[in-house]
Amino acid sequence: MGIRQLHLLVLFKEGVSLKCIFYQEKEWYIGKKQHKEDKLDLYFNYVQEENTQEMSDNNRMDYNRRVVEEFRANGGRVQGWAPLILLTTKGAKSGQTRIYPLMSVPDGDNYLAVASKGGAPKNPLWYHNLLAHPDVTVEVGNETFVATARLLTGDERAQAFAKAIAVFPPYGVYQKKTDREIPVFLLERRTNA
């Protein structure tokens, strides 16, 4: 009996994906984690979306749209995710409204936006949007507020990144995977908006 495979790609936040490979013969051990169920072995192999290029921009936008819908329908909760915020920006080139689900990293009354992209070599698209158009809208649970995004540097960035790692430890792993310094923005509430 030959080997029959079924490859599935499940996408998660910040460009990390879970590649599932189903095998009928148990002698094959390729993935990093293994789960046996009946006559099938399920192997998990974490891969970078940036490296695999298996998700098109349209698929990524559709996936984000579904996360945004679930977030708004459930008071800011998305099943299977850590707490999120929604960041609404204008496209750097197009000027069109863009909404991105990001990890919720509170910093007092403000929030941090960590441009990790799962440790990919390039910054996420929203990084460029914030540089071009720093006036944003942030949704947290049922609350919506306007904010100004400010790119942090030096000690301020280092302290903010340490806070982000305390909230979401994989950020530390992502930093080790890339040569770029992962940018951190402070999303400062505008009090007179």
N, C-alpha and C. Protein backbone atom coordinates (compact mmCIF):
# COMPACT_ATOMS: atom_id res chain seq x y z
N MET A 1 0.84 -1.18 0.00
CA MET A 1 0.00 0.00 0.00
C MET A 1 0.88 1.24 0.00
N GLY A 2 0.66 2.12 -0.93
CA GLY A 2 1.45 3.34 -1.02
C GLY A 2 1.03 4.37 0.02
N ILE A 3 1.81 5.41 0.09
CA ILE A 3 1.52 6.48 1.04
C ILE A 3 0.57 7.47 0.38
N ARG A 4 -0.50 7.80 1.09
CA ARG A 4 -1.39 8.84 0.62
C ARG A 4 -1.29 10.00 1.58
N GLN A 5 -1.12 11.19 1.05
CA GLN A 5 -0.95 12.37 1.88
C GLN A 5 -2.05 13.38 1.59
N LEU A 6 -2.40 14.12 2.62
CA LEU A 6 -3.28 15.26 2.48
C LEU A 6 -2.63 16.41 3.24
N HIS A 7 -2.29 17.47 2.54
CA HIS A 7 -1.64 18.62 3.17
C HIS A 7 -2.70 19.69 3.42
N LEU A 8 -2.74 20.19 4.63
CA LEU A 8 -3.62 21.30 4.99
C LEU A 8 -2.76 22.41 5.56
N LEU A 9 -3.12 23.63 5.28
CA LEU A 9 -2.42 24.77 5.86
C LEU A 9 -3.43 25.58 6.64
N VAL A 10 -3.21 25.68 7.94
CA VAL A 10 -4.09 26.44 8.81
C VAL A 10 -3.33 27.67 9.25
N LEU A 11 -3.90 28.86 9.05
CA LEU A 11 -3.17 30.09 9.32
C LEU A 11 -3.56 30.69 10.65
N PHE A 12 -2.58 31.20 11.35
CA PHE A 12 -2.77 31.81 12.66
C PHE A 12 -2.30 33.25 12.59
N LYS A 13 -2.36 33.91 13.71
CA LYS A 13 -1.98 35.30 13.82
C LYS A 13 -0.53 35.54 13.43
N GLU A 14 -0.25 36.74 13.00
CA GLU A 14 1.10 37.21 12.73
C GLU A 14 1.87 36.35 11.74
N GLY A 15 1.19 35.76 10.78
CA GLY A 15 1.88 35.06 9.72
C GLY A 15 2.39 33.68 10.05
N VAL A 16 2.07 33.15 11.22
CA VAL A 16 2.49 31.79 11.54
C VAL A 16 1.41 30.84 11.06
N SER A 17 1.80 29.75 10.47
CA SER A 17 0.81 28.80 9.99
C SER A 17 1.12 27.42 10.55
N LEU A 18 0.13 26.57 10.53
CA LEU A 18 0.27 25.20 11.00
C LEU A 18 0.03 24.31 9.79
N LYS A 19 1.05 23.56 9.42
CA LYS A 19 0.94 22.69 8.26
C LYS A 19 0.66 21.29 8.77
N CYS A 20 -0.47 20.73 8.41
CA CYS A 20 -0.86 19.40 8.86
C CYS A 20 -0.69 18.42 7.70
N ILE A 21 -0.01 17.33 7.95
CA ILE A 21 0.19 16.30 6.94
C ILE A 21 -0.36 14.99 7.49
N PHE A 22 -1.32 14.41 6.79
CA PHE A 22 -1.91 13.15 7.20
C PHE A 22 -1.25 12.02 6.41
N TYR A 23 -0.84 10.96 7.11
CA TYR A 23 -0.22 9.81 6.47
C TYR A 23 -0.98 8.55 6.87
N GLN A 24 -1.04 7.57 5.96
CA GLN A 24 -1.67 6.30 6.29
C GLN A 24 -0.67 5.30 6.84
N GLU A 25 0.59 5.47 6.56
CA GLU A 25 1.59 4.54 7.08
C GLU A 25 2.30 5.17 8.26
N LYS A 26 2.34 4.47 9.38
CA LYS A 26 2.84 5.03 10.62
C LYS A 26 4.36 5.13 10.69
N GLU A 27 5.08 4.61 9.69
CA GLU A 27 6.53 4.65 9.75
C GLU A 27 7.10 6.04 9.48
N TRP A 28 6.30 6.93 8.96
CA TRP A 28 6.79 8.25 8.57
C TRP A 28 6.71 9.20 9.74
N TYR A 29 7.83 9.79 10.11
CA TYR A 29 7.89 10.75 11.21
C TYR A 29 8.59 12.01 10.71
N ILE A 30 7.82 12.94 10.21
CA ILE A 30 8.40 14.12 9.59
C ILE A 30 8.19 15.37 10.44
N GLY A 31 7.03 15.51 11.03
CA GLY A 31 6.68 16.73 11.74
C GLY A 31 7.34 16.85 13.09
N LYS A 32 7.13 18.00 13.73
CA LYS A 32 7.71 18.27 15.04
C LYS A 32 6.84 17.73 16.17
N LYS A 33 5.53 17.63 15.95
CA LYS A 33 4.62 17.11 16.97
C LYS A 33 3.75 16.06 16.31
N GLN A 34 3.37 15.05 17.06
CA GLN A 34 2.61 13.96 16.48
C GLN A 34 1.37 13.69 17.32
N HIS A 35 0.27 13.42 16.65
CA HIS A 35 -0.98 13.07 17.33
C HIS A 35 -1.55 11.87 16.59
N LYS A 36 -1.74 10.74 17.28
CA LYS A 36 -2.27 9.54 16.65
C LYS A 36 -3.77 9.45 16.89
N GLU A 37 -4.50 9.12 15.84
CA GLU A 37 -5.94 8.96 15.97
C GLU A 37 -6.38 7.91 14.96
N ASP A 38 -6.96 6.83 15.45
CA ASP A 38 -7.37 5.70 14.63
C ASP A 38 -6.21 5.22 13.76
N LYS A 39 -6.41 5.16 12.44
CA LYS A 39 -5.35 4.64 11.57
C LYS A 39 -4.54 5.77 10.92
N LEU A 40 -4.82 7.00 11.30
CA LEU A 40 -4.10 8.13 10.71
C LEU A 40 -3.17 8.75 11.74
N ASP A 41 -2.03 9.18 11.29
CA ASP A 41 -1.14 10.00 12.11
C ASP A 41 -1.29 11.43 11.61
N LEU A 42 -1.35 12.36 12.55
CA LEU A 42 -1.44 13.77 12.19
C LEU A 42 -0.15 14.43 12.65
N TYR A 43 0.58 15.00 11.74
CA TYR A 43 1.84 15.64 12.05
C TYR A 43 1.69 17.15 11.92
N PHE A 44 2.27 17.86 12.86
CA PHE A 44 2.22 19.31 12.83
C PHE A 44 3.62 19.83 12.55
N ASN A 45 3.71 20.70 11.62
CA ASN A 45 4.99 21.33 11.31
C ASN A 45 4.76 22.83 11.17
N TYR A 46 5.27 23.61 12.11
CA TYR A 46 5.09 25.05 12.04
C TYR A 46 5.98 25.61 10.94
N VAL A 47 5.39 26.41 10.10
CA VAL A 47 6.13 27.01 9.00
C VAL A 47 5.81 28.50 8.95
N GLN A 48 6.67 29.25 8.37
CA GLN A 48 6.44 30.66 8.19
C GLN A 48 5.66 30.90 6.92
N GLU A 49 4.62 31.68 7.01
CA GLU A 49 3.86 32.06 5.83
C GLU A 49 4.77 32.79 4.85
N GLU A 50 5.66 33.61 5.37
CA GLU A 50 6.56 34.38 4.51
C GLU A 50 7.41 33.45 3.66
N ASN A 51 7.84 32.33 4.24
CA ASN A 51 8.70 31.41 3.53
C ASN A 51 7.93 30.51 2.58
N THR A 52 6.71 30.11 2.96
CA THR A 52 5.97 29.17 2.14
C THR A 52 5.21 29.84 1.00
N GLN A 53 4.85 31.11 1.18
CA GLN A 53 4.09 31.84 0.17
C GLN A 53 2.82 31.10 -0.23
N GLU A 54 2.23 30.32 0.71
CA GLU A 54 1.05 29.54 0.38
C GLU A 54 -0.25 30.32 0.56
N MET A 55 -0.17 31.52 1.11
CA MET A 55 -1.37 32.30 1.33
C MET A 55 -1.27 33.59 0.54
N SER A 56 -2.20 33.79 -0.37
CA SER A 56 -2.18 34.99 -1.19
C SER A 56 -2.67 36.18 -0.37
N ASP A 57 -2.43 37.37 -0.86
CA ASP A 57 -2.92 38.57 -0.18
C ASP A 57 -4.44 38.54 -0.06
N ASN A 58 -5.13 38.05 -1.10
CA ASN A 58 -6.59 37.97 -1.04
C ASN A 58 -7.04 36.99 0.04
N ASN A 59 -6.37 35.84 0.15
CA ASN A 59 -6.71 34.87 1.19
C ASN A 59 -6.47 35.44 2.58
N ARG A 60 -5.37 36.16 2.73
CA ARG A 60 -5.02 36.77 4.01
C ARG A 60 -6.07 37.80 4.41
N MET A 61 -6.51 38.62 3.44
CA MET A 61 -7.53 39.63 3.72
C MET A 61 -8.86 38.96 4.08
N ASP A 62 -9.19 37.87 3.40
CA ASP A 62 -10.43 37.15 3.70
C ASP A 62 -10.37 36.53 5.09
N TYR A 63 -9.23 35.97 5.44
CA TYR A 63 -9.05 35.39 6.77
C TYR A 63 -9.18 36.47 7.85
N ASN A 64 -8.51 37.61 7.65
CA ASN A 64 -8.63 38.71 8.60
C ASN A 64 -10.07 39.18 8.72
N ARG A 65 -10.78 39.24 7.60
CA ARG A 65 -12.18 39.67 7.62
C ARG A 65 -13.01 38.75 8.52
N ARG A 66 -12.79 37.45 8.44
CA ARG A 66 -13.55 36.51 9.28
C ARG A 66 -13.20 36.69 10.76
N VAL A 67 -11.93 36.93 11.07
CA VAL A 67 -11.53 37.18 12.46
C VAL A 67 -12.18 38.45 12.97
N VAL A 68 -12.19 39.50 12.15
CA VAL A 68 -12.81 40.78 12.53
C VAL A 68 -14.30 40.58 12.80
N GLU A 69 -14.98 39.84 11.93
CA GLU A 69 -16.41 39.59 12.13
C GLU A 69 -16.67 38.86 13.44
N GLU A 70 -15.87 37.83 13.73
CA GLU A 70 -16.06 37.08 14.97
C GLU A 70 -15.75 37.96 16.18
N PHE A 71 -14.71 38.76 16.10
CA PHE A 71 -14.34 39.69 17.18
C PHE A 71 -15.52 40.60 17.49
N ARG A 72 -16.09 41.21 16.48
CA ARG A 72 -17.18 42.17 16.68
C ARG A 72 -18.47 41.49 17.12
N ALA A 73 -18.71 40.28 16.67
CA ALA A 73 -19.94 39.57 17.04
C ALA A 73 -19.88 39.04 18.48
N ASN A 74 -18.68 38.88 19.03
CA ASN A 74 -18.52 38.25 20.34
C ASN A 74 -17.85 39.16 21.37
N GLY A 75 -18.06 40.46 21.25
CA GLY A 75 -17.53 41.39 22.25
C GLY A 75 -16.03 41.36 22.38
N GLY A 76 -15.33 41.15 21.27
CA GLY A 76 -13.87 41.18 21.29
C GLY A 76 -13.21 39.83 21.50
N ARG A 77 -13.98 38.78 21.55
CA ARG A 77 -13.40 37.44 21.73
C ARG A 77 -13.42 36.68 20.40
N VAL A 78 -12.32 35.96 20.15
CA VAL A 78 -12.22 35.11 18.97
C VAL A 78 -11.78 33.74 19.46
N GLN A 79 -12.58 32.74 19.16
CA GLN A 79 -12.30 31.39 19.66
C GLN A 79 -10.93 30.91 19.20
N GLY A 80 -10.16 30.37 20.16
CA GLY A 80 -8.85 29.82 19.85
C GLY A 80 -7.73 30.84 19.83
N TRP A 81 -8.03 32.09 20.10
CA TRP A 81 -7.04 33.15 20.08
C TRP A 81 -6.84 33.71 21.48
N ALA A 82 -5.65 34.23 21.73
CA ALA A 82 -5.40 35.05 22.91
C ALA A 82 -6.16 36.36 22.70
N PRO A 83 -6.28 37.21 23.72
CA PRO A 83 -6.99 38.48 23.53
C PRO A 83 -6.41 39.31 22.39
N LEU A 84 -7.30 39.89 21.62
CA LEU A 84 -6.92 40.68 20.45
C LEU A 84 -7.42 42.11 20.56
N ILE A 85 -6.83 42.96 19.72
CA ILE A 85 -7.39 44.27 19.43
C ILE A 85 -7.58 44.32 17.92
N LEU A 86 -8.41 45.24 17.47
CA LEU A 86 -8.52 45.51 16.04
C LEU A 86 -7.92 46.88 15.80
N LEU A 87 -7.02 46.95 14.85
CA LEU A 87 -6.34 48.19 14.48
C LEU A 87 -6.84 48.60 13.10
N THR A 88 -7.49 49.77 13.03
CA THR A 88 -7.97 50.29 11.75
C THR A 88 -7.05 51.40 11.30
N THR A 89 -6.50 51.23 10.11
CA THR A 89 -5.54 52.18 9.54
C THR A 89 -5.99 52.56 8.13
N LYS A 90 -5.24 53.48 7.54
CA LYS A 90 -5.38 53.78 6.11
C LYS A 90 -4.19 53.16 5.41
N GLY A 91 -4.42 52.61 4.22
CA GLY A 91 -3.33 52.04 3.44
C GLY A 91 -2.29 53.09 3.11
N ALA A 92 -1.02 52.74 3.22
CA ALA A 92 0.07 53.69 2.98
C ALA A 92 0.01 54.27 1.57
N LYS A 93 -0.30 53.45 0.60
CA LYS A 93 -0.34 53.92 -0.80
C LYS A 93 -1.77 54.20 -1.26
N SER A 94 -2.70 53.32 -0.90
CA SER A 94 -4.07 53.44 -1.42
C SER A 94 -4.92 54.43 -0.64
N GLY A 95 -4.62 54.61 0.65
CA GLY A 95 -5.46 55.45 1.49
C GLY A 95 -6.76 54.76 1.90
N GLN A 96 -6.94 53.50 1.49
CA GLN A 96 -8.16 52.76 1.82
C GLN A 96 -8.08 52.25 3.25
N THR A 97 -9.26 52.12 3.87
CA THR A 97 -9.34 51.62 5.24
C THR A 97 -8.92 50.16 5.29
N ARG A 98 -8.08 49.84 6.27
CA ARG A 98 -7.60 48.47 6.49
C ARG A 98 -7.79 48.13 7.97
N ILE A 99 -8.23 46.92 8.25
CA ILE A 99 -8.44 46.48 9.63
C ILE A 99 -7.58 45.25 9.87
N TYR A 100 -6.79 45.29 10.94
CA TYR A 100 -5.88 44.20 11.27
C TYR A 100 -6.13 43.71 12.69
N PRO A 101 -6.34 42.42 12.89
CA PRO A 101 -6.37 41.87 14.25
C PRO A 101 -4.94 41.71 14.76
N LEU A 102 -4.69 42.23 15.96
CA LEU A 102 -3.37 42.15 16.57
C LEU A 102 -3.50 41.63 17.99
N MET A 103 -2.41 41.10 18.53
CA MET A 103 -2.39 40.68 19.92
C MET A 103 -2.66 41.89 20.80
N SER A 104 -3.43 41.70 21.86
CA SER A 104 -3.71 42.77 22.81
C SER A 104 -2.55 42.87 23.79
N VAL A 105 -1.83 44.01 23.72
CA VAL A 105 -0.71 44.26 24.63
C VAL A 105 -0.98 45.61 25.30
N PRO A 106 -1.67 45.59 26.44
CA PRO A 106 -1.99 46.85 27.12
C PRO A 106 -0.73 47.52 27.67
N ASP A 107 -0.75 48.85 27.67
CA ASP A 107 0.32 49.66 28.27
C ASP A 107 -0.36 50.84 28.95
N GLY A 108 -0.80 50.63 30.19
CA GLY A 108 -1.60 51.64 30.87
C GLY A 108 -2.94 51.77 30.17
N ASP A 109 -3.31 53.00 29.80
CA ASP A 109 -4.56 53.23 29.05
C ASP A 109 -4.36 53.07 27.55
N ASN A 110 -3.14 52.84 27.14
CA ASN A 110 -2.79 52.71 25.73
C ASN A 110 -2.53 51.24 25.39
N TYR A 111 -2.17 51.00 24.14
CA TYR A 111 -1.84 49.65 23.69
C TYR A 111 -0.57 49.69 22.85
N LEU A 112 0.12 48.56 22.83
CA LEU A 112 1.30 48.40 21.99
C LEU A 112 0.93 47.58 20.76
N ALA A 113 1.48 47.95 19.62
CA ALA A 113 1.32 47.19 18.38
C ALA A 113 2.70 46.68 18.00
N VAL A 114 2.88 45.37 18.02
CA VAL A 114 4.18 44.74 17.77
C VAL A 114 4.19 44.19 16.34
N ALA A 115 5.07 44.73 15.53
CA ALA A 115 5.13 44.37 14.10
C ALA A 115 6.01 43.14 13.89
N SER A 116 5.65 42.03 14.51
CA SER A 116 6.51 40.84 14.48
C SER A 116 6.39 40.05 13.19
N LYS A 117 5.21 39.93 12.66
CA LYS A 117 4.94 39.09 11.49
C LYS A 117 5.55 37.70 11.67
N GLY A 118 5.46 37.20 12.91
CA GLY A 118 5.95 35.85 13.19
C GLY A 118 7.44 35.67 13.00
N GLY A 119 8.21 36.77 13.01
CA GLY A 119 9.65 36.69 12.82
C GLY A 119 10.06 36.67 11.36
N ALA A 120 9.15 37.02 10.47
CA ALA A 120 9.46 37.06 9.03
C ALA A 120 10.51 38.14 8.76
N PRO A 121 11.23 38.02 7.64
CA PRO A 121 12.28 38.99 7.32
C PRO A 121 11.77 40.41 7.08
N LYS A 122 10.50 40.54 6.64
CA LYS A 122 9.94 41.85 6.32
C LYS A 122 8.87 42.24 7.33
N ASN A 123 8.68 43.54 7.48
CA ASN A 123 7.63 44.05 8.36
C ASN A 123 6.25 43.78 7.75
N PRO A 124 5.22 43.67 8.60
CA PRO A 124 3.86 43.51 8.07
C PRO A 124 3.42 44.77 7.34
N LEU A 125 2.42 44.64 6.47
CA LEU A 125 1.93 45.78 5.71
C LEU A 125 1.47 46.92 6.61
N TRP A 126 0.84 46.57 7.73
CA TRP A 126 0.31 47.64 8.59
C TRP A 126 1.40 48.52 9.17
N TYR A 127 2.63 48.03 9.26
CA TYR A 127 3.76 48.84 9.72
C TYR A 127 3.90 50.08 8.84
N HIS A 128 3.88 49.87 7.53
CA HIS A 128 4.03 50.98 6.57
C HIS A 128 2.82 51.90 6.63
N ASN A 129 1.63 51.32 6.86
CA ASN A 129 0.43 52.14 6.99
C ASN A 129 0.54 53.11 8.17
N LEU A 130 1.05 52.61 9.31
CA LEU A 130 1.16 53.46 10.50
C LEU A 130 2.20 54.57 10.31
N LEU A 131 3.28 54.27 9.60
CA LEU A 131 4.27 55.31 9.33
C LEU A 131 3.68 56.41 8.46
N ALA A 132 2.88 56.03 7.46
CA ALA A 132 2.29 57.00 6.54
C ALA A 132 1.08 57.72 7.14
N HIS A 133 0.29 56.99 7.93
CA HIS A 133 -0.97 57.53 8.49
C HIS A 133 -1.07 57.11 9.95
N PRO A 134 -0.48 57.87 10.87
CA PRO A 134 -0.45 57.44 12.27
C PRO A 134 -1.77 57.58 13.03
N ASP A 135 -2.75 58.27 12.46
CA ASP A 135 -4.06 58.37 13.12
C ASP A 135 -4.84 57.09 12.86
N VAL A 136 -5.20 56.38 13.95
CA VAL A 136 -5.81 55.07 13.84
C VAL A 136 -7.03 54.97 14.74
N THR A 137 -7.76 53.88 14.58
CA THR A 137 -8.84 53.53 15.49
C THR A 137 -8.51 52.17 16.08
N VAL A 138 -8.76 52.02 17.38
CA VAL A 138 -8.47 50.77 18.09
C VAL A 138 -9.77 50.26 18.69
N GLU A 139 -10.02 48.97 18.52
CA GLU A 139 -11.17 48.31 19.15
C GLU A 139 -10.63 47.29 20.15
N VAL A 140 -11.15 47.38 21.38
CA VAL A 140 -10.78 46.46 22.46
C VAL A 140 -12.08 46.00 23.09
N GLY A 141 -12.41 44.72 22.98
CA GLY A 141 -13.70 44.26 23.49
C GLY A 141 -14.82 45.02 22.80
N ASN A 142 -15.67 45.69 23.58
CA ASN A 142 -16.75 46.50 23.02
C ASN A 142 -16.40 47.98 22.92
N GLU A 143 -15.19 48.34 23.29
CA GLU A 143 -14.76 49.74 23.28
C GLU A 143 -14.03 50.08 21.99
N THR A 144 -14.30 51.27 21.46
CA THR A 144 -13.59 51.79 20.30
C THR A 144 -13.07 53.17 20.64
N PHE A 145 -11.80 53.43 20.31
CA PHE A 145 -11.24 54.76 20.56
C PHE A 145 -10.26 55.13 19.45
N VAL A 146 -10.06 56.44 19.27
CA VAL A 146 -9.09 56.92 18.30
C VAL A 146 -7.75 57.06 19.01
N ALA A 147 -6.69 56.88 18.25
CA ALA A 147 -5.35 56.91 18.82
C ALA A 147 -4.38 57.42 17.77
N THR A 148 -3.19 57.73 18.24
CA THR A 148 -2.08 58.09 17.36
C THR A 148 -0.98 57.06 17.57
N ALA A 149 -0.51 56.50 16.47
CA ALA A 149 0.55 55.49 16.53
C ALA A 149 1.90 56.19 16.49
N ARG A 150 2.75 55.83 17.45
CA ARG A 150 4.10 56.41 17.52
C ARG A 150 5.10 55.26 17.57
N LEU A 151 6.03 55.25 16.61
CA LEU A 151 7.07 54.23 16.56
C LEU A 151 8.06 54.47 17.69
N LEU A 152 8.28 53.45 18.52
CA LEU A 152 9.18 53.58 19.66
C LEU A 152 10.60 53.22 19.25
N THR A 153 11.57 53.88 19.89
CA THR A 153 12.98 53.63 19.60
C THR A 153 13.76 53.53 20.91
N GLY A 154 14.98 53.03 20.81
CA GLY A 154 15.90 53.01 21.93
C GLY A 154 15.36 52.29 23.15
N ASP A 155 15.62 52.87 24.33
CA ASP A 155 15.19 52.26 25.59
C ASP A 155 13.67 52.13 25.68
N GLU A 156 12.96 53.12 25.14
CA GLU A 156 11.50 53.08 25.18
C GLU A 156 10.98 51.86 24.42
N ARG A 157 11.58 51.59 23.27
CA ARG A 157 11.20 50.41 22.49
C ARG A 157 11.57 49.13 23.23
N ALA A 158 12.77 49.09 23.81
CA ALA A 158 13.23 47.89 24.53
C ALA A 158 12.30 47.57 25.70
N GLN A 159 11.91 48.58 26.46
CA GLN A 159 11.00 48.37 27.60
C GLN A 159 9.63 47.90 27.12
N ALA A 160 9.14 48.50 26.05
CA ALA A 160 7.83 48.12 25.50
C ALA A 160 7.87 46.69 24.96
N PHE A 161 8.99 46.32 24.30
CA PHE A 161 9.09 44.97 23.75
C PHE A 161 9.14 43.95 24.89
N ALA A 162 9.82 44.28 25.99
CA ALA A 162 9.84 43.39 27.16
C ALA A 162 8.43 43.20 27.72
N LYS A 163 7.63 44.27 27.75
CA LYS A 163 6.23 44.16 28.19
C LYS A 163 5.46 43.24 27.25
N ALA A 164 5.70 43.40 25.95
CA ALA A 164 5.00 42.59 24.96
C ALA A 164 5.34 41.11 25.13
N ILE A 165 6.61 40.80 25.39
CA ILE A 165 7.03 39.41 25.60
C ILE A 165 6.37 38.84 26.85
N ALA A 166 6.21 39.67 27.88
CA ALA A 166 5.55 39.22 29.11
C ALA A 166 4.10 38.84 28.85
N VAL A 167 3.44 39.55 27.93
CA VAL A 167 2.05 39.26 27.58
C VAL A 167 1.97 38.09 26.61
N PHE A 168 2.87 38.06 25.63
CA PHE A 168 2.85 37.04 24.57
C PHE A 168 4.29 36.56 24.32
N PRO A 169 4.75 35.54 25.07
CA PRO A 169 6.15 35.09 24.99
C PRO A 169 6.67 34.74 23.59
N PRO A 170 5.85 34.27 22.63
CA PRO A 170 6.40 33.99 21.30
C PRO A 170 7.07 35.19 20.63
N TYR A 171 6.76 36.42 21.06
CA TYR A 171 7.46 37.57 20.47
C TYR A 171 8.97 37.44 20.64
N GLY A 172 9.43 36.91 21.76
CA GLY A 172 10.86 36.70 21.98
C GLY A 172 11.45 35.72 20.99
N VAL A 173 10.69 34.66 20.70
CA VAL A 173 11.12 33.66 19.70
C VAL A 173 11.17 34.30 18.32
N TYR A 174 10.14 35.10 18.01
CA TYR A 174 10.10 35.76 16.69
C TYR A 174 11.32 36.66 16.49
N GLN A 175 11.72 37.38 17.55
CA GLN A 175 12.88 38.27 17.42
C GLN A 175 14.14 37.49 17.10
N LYS A 176 14.28 36.29 17.67
CA LYS A 176 15.46 35.46 17.42
C LYS A 176 15.47 34.91 15.99
N LYS A 177 14.30 34.80 15.37
CA LYS A 177 14.20 34.24 14.03
C LYS A 177 14.52 35.24 12.92
N THR A 178 14.61 36.52 13.26
CA THR A 178 14.79 37.52 12.21
C THR A 178 15.97 38.42 12.51
N ASP A 179 16.59 38.94 11.46
CA ASP A 179 17.69 39.87 11.62
C ASP A 179 17.20 41.29 11.89
N ARG A 180 15.95 41.59 11.55
CA ARG A 180 15.44 42.94 11.77
C ARG A 180 15.03 43.12 13.24
N GLU A 181 15.16 44.33 13.74
CA GLU A 181 14.62 44.63 15.06
C GLU A 181 13.12 44.79 14.90
N ILE A 182 12.35 43.99 15.62
CA ILE A 182 10.90 44.03 15.48
C ILE A 182 10.39 45.38 15.99
N PRO A 183 9.72 46.14 15.12
CA PRO A 183 9.22 47.45 15.53
C PRO A 183 8.05 47.34 16.52
N VAL A 184 7.98 48.33 17.41
CA VAL A 184 6.89 48.43 18.37
C VAL A 184 6.33 49.85 18.29
N PHE A 185 5.01 49.93 18.15
CA PHE A 185 4.31 51.21 18.15
C PHE A 185 3.53 51.35 19.44
N LEU A 186 3.48 52.58 19.97
CA LEU A 186 2.58 52.90 21.06
C LEU A 186 1.34 53.50 20.42
N LEU A 187 0.18 52.91 20.72
CA LEU A 187 -1.10 53.43 20.23
C LEU A 187 -1.68 54.30 21.35
N GLU A 188 -1.41 55.60 21.28
CA GLU A 188 -1.77 56.55 22.32
C GLU A 188 -3.19 57.08 22.11
N ARG A 189 -4.02 56.92 23.11
CA ARG A 189 -5.39 57.45 23.04
C ARG A 189 -5.35 58.95 22.83
N ARG A 190 -6.25 59.42 21.99
CA ARG A 190 -6.42 60.87 21.83
C ARG A 190 -7.57 61.29 22.74
N THR A 191 -7.29 62.15 23.67
CA THR A 191 -8.29 62.52 24.66
C THR A 191 -9.32 63.51 24.15
N ASN A 192 -8.98 64.31 23.18
CA ASN A 192 -9.92 65.32 22.67
C ASN A 192 -10.44 64.96 21.29
N ALA A 193 -10.75 63.69 21.08
CA ALA A 193 -11.25 63.26 19.77
C ALA A 193 -12.73 62.98 19.82
